[in-house]
Amino acid sequence: MQILKVSVLVVNNLRKTFYCGSRLMSSSECAKSLLYKEYGEPADVLQITTESLTAPQENEVVVKWLYAPVNPADINTIQGKYPSKPPLPAVPGNEGVGEIVAVGTNTNNFCVGDKVVPNGVNKGTWRTHALYKSQDMYKINNNLETITASMLNVNPCTAYRMLKDFVPLKPGDTVIQNGGNSAVGLFVIQLCRIWGLKSVNIIRNRPDVQELKNQLLDLGANVVMTEEELRTTTLFKSKTLPKPQLALNCVCGKNASEVQRHLDHGGIMVTYGAMSREPLTVPASSLIFKNLSFKGFWMTTWTNKNANSEERHKMLEELQQLFINKELKAPPHQLVSFCNYKEAVVNALKPGGQSNAKYILDLTG
């Protein structure tokens, strides 16, 4: 009998049992996961499955997942509409927070009890437990609130990278964005406030639009206006704010055409979504006379290229500290139990009201 770091037990060189927290879990006990074997509507193709757990060996850890968000990209992946397609059968989930419950040898200083988030994409967080290579997990600060940690990897990182990577912004510069009340948009507003940038935020009109405007202003937005108000604004002509060098677009269609019209000469529009399902139209005059540039951003590509980079570690450390210090707030969320997953996958793509409350699978039950 050989004992590995007290948390792993290997009997007769067969991986049969391991300690889960303070108790021994046997291979006869099973981990639950949501699995799909073909593409389709998540409520139709997802099924709860069980599998036996095995003890981790060299460079492996066992993670007990605690919370896992349901993002629109997850739904599109299951539908087969997303460019990132894990091999089938697959367990969905790009985000989540978990706890290390067993470790093998040579596991990059991971210990039982460490909180982790995925260090990469398509790690399959919609399950109770799983075995991973240690490099596929990223240890987080224990002071970070657990549910907030589950939302760390996608939306705040997307906002962070778009504000950092395309235009060398300095305090006082203006950023304009549509989808101002989207999950990413809320983080753009807050990061602009923290970094001394001015944010102009475009939202769709609605009966309670003033209430939504007030919520975004409370987060730190400098200006919030509807699409209709954007068409007639004199905000930049009057020099109330400097013309923006950076525009962030998640809507496309006529909305994006109006936004790009207000960009300064040589400005850049970064597109990261197409909520209107309409194309992005670029007039020749925007290229010829204003020398505008149009870029795209996909967080998945950036993460795949930078999973273990110093730049990613720096970003995650900075974002965690901002959350811990209460300078950043996570968007509203709604917990859904694992067995009620259909509620989350059916409603995840529906408009979420004023601030797009996010569904999060509660795996702790």
Protein backbone atom coordinates (compact mmCIF):
# COMPACT_ATOMS: atom_id res chain seq x y z
CA MET A 1 0.00 0.00 0.00
CA GLN A 2 1.32 3.43 -0.98
CA ILE A 3 0.05 6.76 0.37
CA LEU A 4 0.24 9.87 -1.84
CA LYS A 5 0.10 13.24 -0.03
CA VAL A 6 -2.34 11.79 2.57
CA SER A 7 -5.28 12.61 0.31
CA VAL A 8 -4.80 9.77 -2.16
CA LEU A 9 -4.83 6.05 -1.51
CA VAL A 10 -3.58 3.61 -4.14
CA VAL A 11 -4.19 -0.05 -3.38
CA ASN A 12 -2.20 -2.75 -5.21
CA ASN A 13 -1.36 -0.12 -7.87
CA LEU A 14 -5.07 0.07 -8.84
CA ARG A 15 -6.83 3.41 -8.71
CA LYS A 16 -9.82 2.48 -6.58
CA THR A 17 -10.49 4.97 -3.78
CA PHE A 18 -9.63 8.45 -2.67
CA TYR A 19 -10.37 10.80 0.19
CA CYS A 20 -13.09 13.34 -0.56
CA GLY A 21 -12.67 16.11 1.99
CA SER A 22 -12.44 14.38 5.34
CA ARG A 23 -14.00 11.09 4.33
CA LEU A 24 -12.98 8.25 2.09
CA MET A 25 -14.93 7.99 -1.16
CA SER A 26 -14.96 4.62 -2.86
CA SER A 27 -15.05 3.84 -6.54
CA SER A 28 -18.54 2.47 -6.09
CA GLU A 29 -19.75 6.03 -5.47
CA CYS A 30 -20.51 8.05 -8.56
CA ALA A 31 -20.09 11.54 -9.88
CA LYS A 32 -23.04 13.08 -11.70
CA SER A 33 -22.69 15.04 -14.91
CA LEU A 34 -24.81 16.56 -17.63
CA LEU A 35 -23.81 14.86 -20.88
CA TYR A 36 -24.79 15.35 -24.51
CA LYS A 37 -24.01 12.83 -27.25
CA GLU A 38 -25.40 14.85 -30.15
CA TYR A 39 -26.07 18.48 -30.94
CA GLY A 40 -29.53 19.90 -30.35
CA GLU A 41 -31.63 21.89 -27.96
CA PRO A 42 -30.09 21.46 -24.48
CA ALA A 43 -33.37 20.43 -22.83
CA ASP A 44 -33.65 17.62 -25.38
CA VAL A 45 -30.09 16.30 -25.66
CA LEU A 46 -28.71 16.76 -22.13
CA GLN A 47 -29.05 13.86 -19.76
CA ILE A 48 -27.85 13.26 -16.22
CA THR A 49 -25.27 10.49 -16.19
CA THR A 50 -23.13 8.89 -13.52
CA GLU A 51 -19.59 7.57 -13.55
CA SER A 52 -17.23 6.03 -11.03
CA LEU A 53 -14.45 8.16 -9.62
CA THR A 54 -10.83 7.08 -9.60
CA ALA A 55 -7.94 8.37 -7.54
CA PRO A 56 -5.60 10.88 -9.17
CA GLN A 57 -2.12 9.84 -10.17
CA GLU A 58 0.87 11.98 -11.15
CA ASN A 59 -0.05 15.51 -12.22
CA GLU A 60 -3.77 14.91 -11.60
CA VAL A 61 -6.34 16.41 -9.23
CA VAL A 62 -9.97 15.65 -8.45
CA VAL A 63 -12.26 18.67 -8.37
CA LYS A 64 -15.64 18.87 -6.67
CA TRP A 65 -17.53 21.54 -8.61
CA LEU A 66 -19.60 23.92 -6.48
CA TYR A 67 -21.20 26.40 -8.87
CA ALA A 68 -21.23 26.55 -12.67
CA PRO A 69 -22.78 29.40 -14.69
CA VAL A 70 -24.94 28.76 -17.74
CA ASN A 71 -23.75 31.16 -20.44
CA PRO A 72 -25.33 31.77 -23.86
CA ALA A 73 -22.13 30.37 -25.42
CA ASP A 74 -22.69 27.10 -23.54
CA ILE A 75 -26.17 26.83 -25.04
CA ASN A 76 -24.88 27.59 -28.54
CA THR A 77 -22.14 24.97 -28.10
CA ILE A 78 -24.68 22.28 -27.23
CA GLN A 79 -26.78 23.35 -30.22
CA GLY A 80 -23.72 22.93 -32.47
CA LYS A 81 -23.84 26.61 -33.46
CA TYR A 82 -20.64 27.68 -31.74
CA PRO A 83 -17.18 27.49 -33.35
CA SER A 84 -15.74 25.81 -30.24
CA LYS A 85 -16.85 22.18 -30.40
CA PRO A 86 -15.53 19.68 -27.86
CA PRO A 87 -15.43 16.02 -28.97
CA LEU A 88 -18.72 14.21 -28.35
CA PRO A 89 -19.95 12.93 -26.00
CA ALA A 90 -19.20 16.02 -23.93
CA VAL A 91 -20.01 17.71 -20.64
CA PRO A 92 -20.78 21.43 -21.11
CA GLY A 93 -19.52 24.32 -19.02
CA ASN A 94 -16.67 26.80 -19.49
CA GLU A 95 -17.02 28.52 -16.13
CA GLY A 96 -17.27 27.36 -12.57
CA VAL A 97 -15.65 27.24 -9.18
CA GLY A 98 -14.62 24.03 -7.49
CA GLU A 99 -12.68 22.60 -4.59
CA ILE A 100 -9.74 20.23 -4.81
CA VAL A 101 -10.73 17.05 -2.97
CA ALA A 102 -7.83 14.79 -3.93
CA VAL A 103 -4.36 15.23 -5.41
CA GLY A 104 -1.77 13.01 -7.01
CA THR A 105 1.96 13.64 -7.06
CA ASN A 106 3.63 16.59 -8.81
CA THR A 107 0.48 18.70 -8.86
CA ASN A 108 1.89 22.24 -8.95
CA ASN A 109 1.41 22.85 -5.23
CA PHE A 110 -2.33 22.13 -5.26
CA CYS A 111 -3.65 20.96 -1.89
CA VAL A 112 -6.93 19.46 -0.75
CA GLY A 113 -9.27 22.35 0.03
CA ASP A 114 -7.90 24.76 -2.59
CA LYS A 115 -10.55 26.63 -4.59
CA VAL A 116 -10.04 26.53 -8.36
CA VAL A 117 -11.50 27.76 -11.64
CA PRO A 118 -10.86 26.27 -15.10
CA ASN A 119 -7.53 27.18 -16.65
CA GLY A 120 -8.71 26.96 -20.26
CA VAL A 121 -11.89 26.22 -22.19
CA ASN A 122 -14.21 23.21 -22.51
CA LYS A 123 -13.30 21.72 -19.13
CA GLY A 124 -16.86 20.53 -18.53
CA THR A 125 -17.97 22.17 -15.30
CA TRP A 126 -21.62 21.01 -15.37
CA ARG A 127 -20.96 18.04 -13.07
CA THR A 128 -20.33 17.25 -9.46
CA HIS A 129 -16.77 15.85 -9.62
CA ALA A 130 -14.11 15.23 -12.27
CA LEU A 131 -10.48 14.23 -12.67
CA TYR A 132 -8.20 16.79 -14.37
CA LYS A 133 -4.59 17.45 -15.21
CA SER A 134 -3.37 19.92 -12.62
CA GLN A 135 -2.44 22.46 -15.30
CA ASP A 136 -6.11 22.57 -16.33
CA MET A 137 -7.02 24.27 -13.05
CA TYR A 138 -6.17 27.72 -11.68
CA LYS A 139 -6.00 28.26 -7.92
CA ILE A 140 -7.91 31.32 -6.74
CA ASN A 141 -7.76 33.53 -3.69
CA ASN A 142 -9.70 32.01 -0.78
CA ASN A 143 -10.99 35.50 0.09
CA LEU A 144 -12.92 35.68 -3.17
CA GLU A 145 -16.63 35.03 -2.65
CA THR A 146 -17.44 31.60 -4.04
CA ILE A 147 -20.33 32.40 -6.36
CA THR A 148 -18.48 35.46 -7.68
CA ALA A 149 -15.49 33.19 -8.39
CA SER A 150 -17.68 30.98 -10.57
CA MET A 151 -18.20 33.96 -12.90
CA LEU A 152 -14.56 35.01 -13.09
CA ASN A 153 -13.40 33.46 -16.36
CA VAL A 154 -15.61 34.90 -19.11
CA ASN A 155 -17.38 38.25 -18.77
CA PRO A 156 -14.97 40.23 -16.55
CA CYS A 157 -12.03 38.90 -18.57
CA THR A 158 -13.72 39.85 -21.85
CA ALA A 159 -14.28 43.41 -20.63
CA TYR A 160 -10.73 43.62 -19.28
CA ARG A 161 -9.06 42.46 -22.48
CA MET A 162 -11.11 44.65 -24.82
CA LEU A 163 -10.26 47.73 -22.77
CA LYS A 164 -6.57 46.79 -22.60
CA ASP A 165 -5.65 45.27 -25.97
CA PHE A 166 -6.91 47.50 -28.80
CA VAL A 167 -6.39 51.17 -27.91
CA PRO A 168 -3.79 52.61 -25.48
CA LEU A 169 -6.39 54.34 -23.32
CA LYS A 170 -5.49 56.86 -20.65
CA PRO A 171 -7.56 58.43 -17.85
CA GLY A 172 -10.12 60.84 -19.27
CA ASP A 173 -10.52 58.99 -22.59
CA THR A 174 -14.01 57.96 -23.70
CA VAL A 175 -15.26 54.46 -24.47
CA ILE A 176 -18.64 53.94 -26.13
CA GLN A 177 -20.48 50.62 -26.05
CA ASN A 178 -23.85 49.15 -26.98
CA GLY A 179 -25.39 46.43 -24.85
CA GLY A 180 -24.54 48.56 -21.84
CA ASN A 181 -26.65 46.41 -19.51
CA SER A 182 -25.26 43.08 -20.78
CA ALA A 183 -23.07 41.00 -18.48
CA VAL A 184 -19.91 42.20 -20.25
CA GLY A 185 -21.27 45.74 -20.47
CA LEU A 186 -21.67 45.94 -16.69
CA PHE A 187 -17.99 45.07 -16.24
CA VAL A 188 -16.94 47.56 -18.92
CA ILE A 189 -18.75 50.30 -16.97
CA GLN A 190 -17.07 49.33 -13.70
CA LEU A 191 -13.57 48.93 -15.12
CA CYS A 192 -13.86 52.29 -16.89
CA ARG A 193 -14.77 53.87 -13.55
CA ILE A 194 -11.86 52.16 -11.78
CA TRP A 195 -9.34 53.14 -14.47
CA GLY A 196 -10.55 56.73 -14.86
CA LEU A 197 -12.14 56.27 -18.28
CA LYS A 198 -15.43 57.84 -19.40
CA SER A 199 -18.09 55.37 -20.54
CA VAL A 200 -21.02 56.11 -22.84
CA ASN A 201 -23.50 53.25 -22.74
CA ILE A 202 -26.27 52.51 -25.23
CA ILE A 203 -29.32 50.50 -24.18
CA ARG A 204 -32.64 49.54 -25.76
CA ASN A 205 -35.66 51.63 -24.86
CA ARG A 206 -38.22 50.07 -22.49
CA PRO A 207 -41.04 51.22 -20.20
CA ASP A 208 -38.80 51.40 -17.11
CA VAL A 209 -35.78 52.81 -18.94
CA GLN A 210 -35.03 55.48 -16.33
CA GLU A 211 -34.73 52.85 -13.63
CA LEU A 212 -32.20 50.97 -15.73
CA LYS A 213 -30.30 54.17 -16.48
CA ASN A 214 -30.08 54.90 -12.77
CA GLN A 215 -28.72 51.41 -12.07
CA LEU A 216 -25.96 51.82 -14.64
CA LEU A 217 -25.15 55.33 -13.43
CA ASP A 218 -24.84 53.95 -9.91
CA LEU A 219 -22.27 51.44 -11.20
CA GLY A 220 -20.19 54.31 -12.56
CA ALA A 221 -21.48 54.96 -16.08
CA ASN A 222 -20.92 58.56 -17.19
CA VAL A 223 -23.69 58.59 -19.81
CA VAL A 224 -26.52 56.15 -20.50
CA MET A 225 -28.77 56.70 -23.49
CA THR A 226 -31.19 54.76 -25.65
CA GLU A 227 -30.60 53.93 -29.30
CA GLU A 228 -33.04 56.69 -30.25
CA GLU A 229 -31.24 59.24 -28.08
CA LEU A 230 -27.92 58.28 -29.64
CA ARG A 231 -29.15 59.32 -33.09
CA THR A 232 -29.70 62.93 -32.01
CA THR A 233 -27.10 63.42 -29.28
CA THR A 234 -24.74 66.41 -29.35
CA LEU A 235 -22.63 64.92 -26.57
CA PHE A 236 -19.45 64.84 -28.65
CA LYS A 237 -20.07 67.80 -30.95
CA SER A 238 -20.53 69.98 -27.88
CA LYS A 239 -17.28 68.57 -26.47
CA THR A 240 -19.04 67.58 -23.26
CA LEU A 241 -16.95 64.43 -23.62
CA PRO A 242 -14.05 63.77 -25.98
CA LYS A 243 -14.92 61.64 -29.00
CA PRO A 244 -14.28 57.96 -28.27
CA GLN A 245 -11.31 56.15 -29.75
CA LEU A 246 -12.78 52.77 -28.78
CA ALA A 247 -16.25 51.35 -29.42
CA LEU A 248 -17.38 47.95 -28.13
CA ASN A 249 -20.12 46.24 -30.13
CA CYS A 250 -22.19 43.22 -29.13
CA VAL A 251 -25.33 44.12 -31.09
CA CYS A 252 -24.42 44.85 -34.77
CA GLY A 253 -27.14 46.03 -37.18
CA LYS A 254 -28.31 49.65 -37.20
CA ASN A 255 -27.29 50.06 -33.58
CA ALA A 256 -23.61 49.48 -34.39
CA SER A 257 -23.86 51.80 -37.41
CA GLU A 258 -24.99 54.61 -35.12
CA VAL A 259 -22.26 53.87 -32.59
CA GLN A 260 -19.45 53.90 -35.17
CA ARG A 261 -20.67 57.26 -36.45
CA HIS A 262 -19.48 58.84 -33.19
CA LEU A 263 -15.98 57.36 -33.22
CA ASP A 264 -13.09 59.78 -33.51
CA HIS A 265 -10.83 59.75 -36.56
CA GLY A 266 -8.68 56.61 -36.48
CA GLY A 267 -10.90 54.97 -33.87
CA ILE A 268 -11.49 51.24 -33.49
CA MET A 269 -14.71 49.27 -33.14
CA VAL A 270 -14.30 45.87 -31.48
CA THR A 271 -17.14 43.42 -32.15
CA TYR A 272 -17.65 40.54 -29.71
CA GLY A 273 -21.30 39.63 -30.31
CA ALA A 274 -24.26 40.02 -32.64
CA MET A 275 -27.35 40.10 -30.43
CA SER A 276 -29.49 41.65 -33.18
CA ARG A 277 -28.53 38.78 -35.52
CA GLU A 278 -28.01 41.43 -38.17
CA PRO A 279 -24.75 42.03 -40.05
CA LEU A 280 -22.21 44.68 -39.18
CA THR A 281 -22.34 47.27 -41.97
CA VAL A 282 -19.33 49.50 -42.60
CA PRO A 283 -19.83 52.50 -44.92
CA ALA A 284 -16.97 53.26 -47.26
CA SER A 285 -16.80 56.76 -45.76
CA SER A 286 -15.87 55.27 -42.37
CA LEU A 287 -12.81 53.70 -43.96
CA ILE A 288 -11.85 56.42 -46.45
CA PHE A 289 -12.51 59.64 -44.57
CA LYS A 290 -12.36 58.57 -40.90
CA ASN A 291 -9.80 55.76 -41.16
CA LEU A 292 -11.77 53.63 -38.74
CA SER A 293 -10.67 50.09 -37.97
CA PHE A 294 -12.93 47.12 -37.23
CA LYS A 295 -11.68 44.25 -35.10
CA GLY A 296 -13.21 41.15 -33.57
CA PHE A 297 -12.64 39.60 -30.17
CA TRP A 298 -13.40 36.10 -28.88
CA MET A 299 -12.36 35.31 -25.33
CA THR A 300 -12.00 31.61 -26.17
CA THR A 301 -9.23 32.31 -28.69
CA TRP A 302 -7.39 34.57 -26.27
CA THR A 303 -7.62 32.01 -23.46
CA ASN A 304 -6.43 29.15 -25.68
CA LYS A 305 -3.35 31.16 -26.62
CA ASN A 306 -2.65 32.49 -23.14
CA ALA A 307 -3.88 29.81 -20.70
CA ASN A 308 -0.58 29.70 -18.80
CA SER A 309 0.79 33.12 -19.68
CA GLU A 310 1.99 35.70 -17.20
CA GLU A 311 -0.48 38.16 -18.75
CA ARG A 312 -3.44 35.93 -17.90
CA HIS A 313 -2.22 35.36 -14.36
CA LYS A 314 -1.81 39.13 -13.93
CA MET A 315 -5.34 39.77 -15.22
CA LEU A 316 -6.94 37.14 -12.96
CA GLU A 317 -5.05 38.37 -9.91
CA GLU A 318 -6.09 41.97 -10.58
CA LEU A 319 -9.74 41.07 -11.15
CA GLN A 320 -9.86 38.93 -8.02
CA GLN A 321 -8.48 41.76 -5.92
CA LEU A 322 -11.01 44.20 -7.36
CA PHE A 323 -13.83 41.81 -6.41
CA ILE A 324 -12.39 41.23 -2.93
CA ASN A 325 -12.09 44.99 -2.38
CA LYS A 326 -15.72 45.45 -3.51
CA GLU A 327 -14.61 47.71 -6.38
CA LEU A 328 -16.16 45.24 -8.84
CA LYS A 329 -19.61 43.73 -8.43
CA ALA A 330 -20.73 40.52 -10.10
CA PRO A 331 -23.94 40.71 -12.13
CA PRO A 332 -27.23 39.50 -10.62
CA HIS A 333 -27.61 35.74 -10.62
CA GLN A 334 -30.16 33.03 -9.99
CA LEU A 335 -29.16 29.67 -8.51
CA VAL A 336 -30.74 26.55 -10.00
CA SER A 337 -30.30 23.10 -8.50
CA PHE A 338 -28.54 20.45 -10.56
CA CYS A 339 -31.69 18.38 -10.95
CA ASN A 340 -33.59 21.44 -12.25
CA TYR A 341 -31.01 22.19 -14.96
CA LYS A 342 -33.70 22.42 -17.66
CA GLU A 343 -34.95 25.67 -16.14
CA ALA A 344 -31.55 27.21 -16.70
CA VAL A 345 -30.85 25.89 -20.20
CA VAL A 346 -34.31 26.81 -21.49
CA ASN A 347 -34.23 30.37 -20.16
CA ALA A 348 -30.53 31.26 -20.54
CA LEU A 349 -30.99 32.82 -24.00
CA LYS A 350 -34.15 34.75 -23.10
CA PRO A 351 -33.86 38.47 -22.30
CA GLY A 352 -32.97 38.77 -18.64
CA GLY A 353 -34.75 41.99 -17.80
CA GLN A 354 -32.82 45.08 -16.82
CA SER A 355 -29.53 43.54 -15.84
CA ASN A 356 -29.57 40.10 -17.44
CA ALA A 357 -29.52 37.91 -14.33
CA LYS A 358 -27.31 34.88 -14.94
CA TYR A 359 -28.37 31.30 -14.22
CA ILE A 360 -25.89 29.34 -12.13
CA LEU A 361 -26.07 25.60 -11.49
CA ASP A 362 -25.81 24.87 -7.77
CA LEU A 363 -23.79 21.65 -7.50
CA THR A 364 -23.42 21.70 -3.73
CA GLY A 365 -26.58 19.73 -2.95
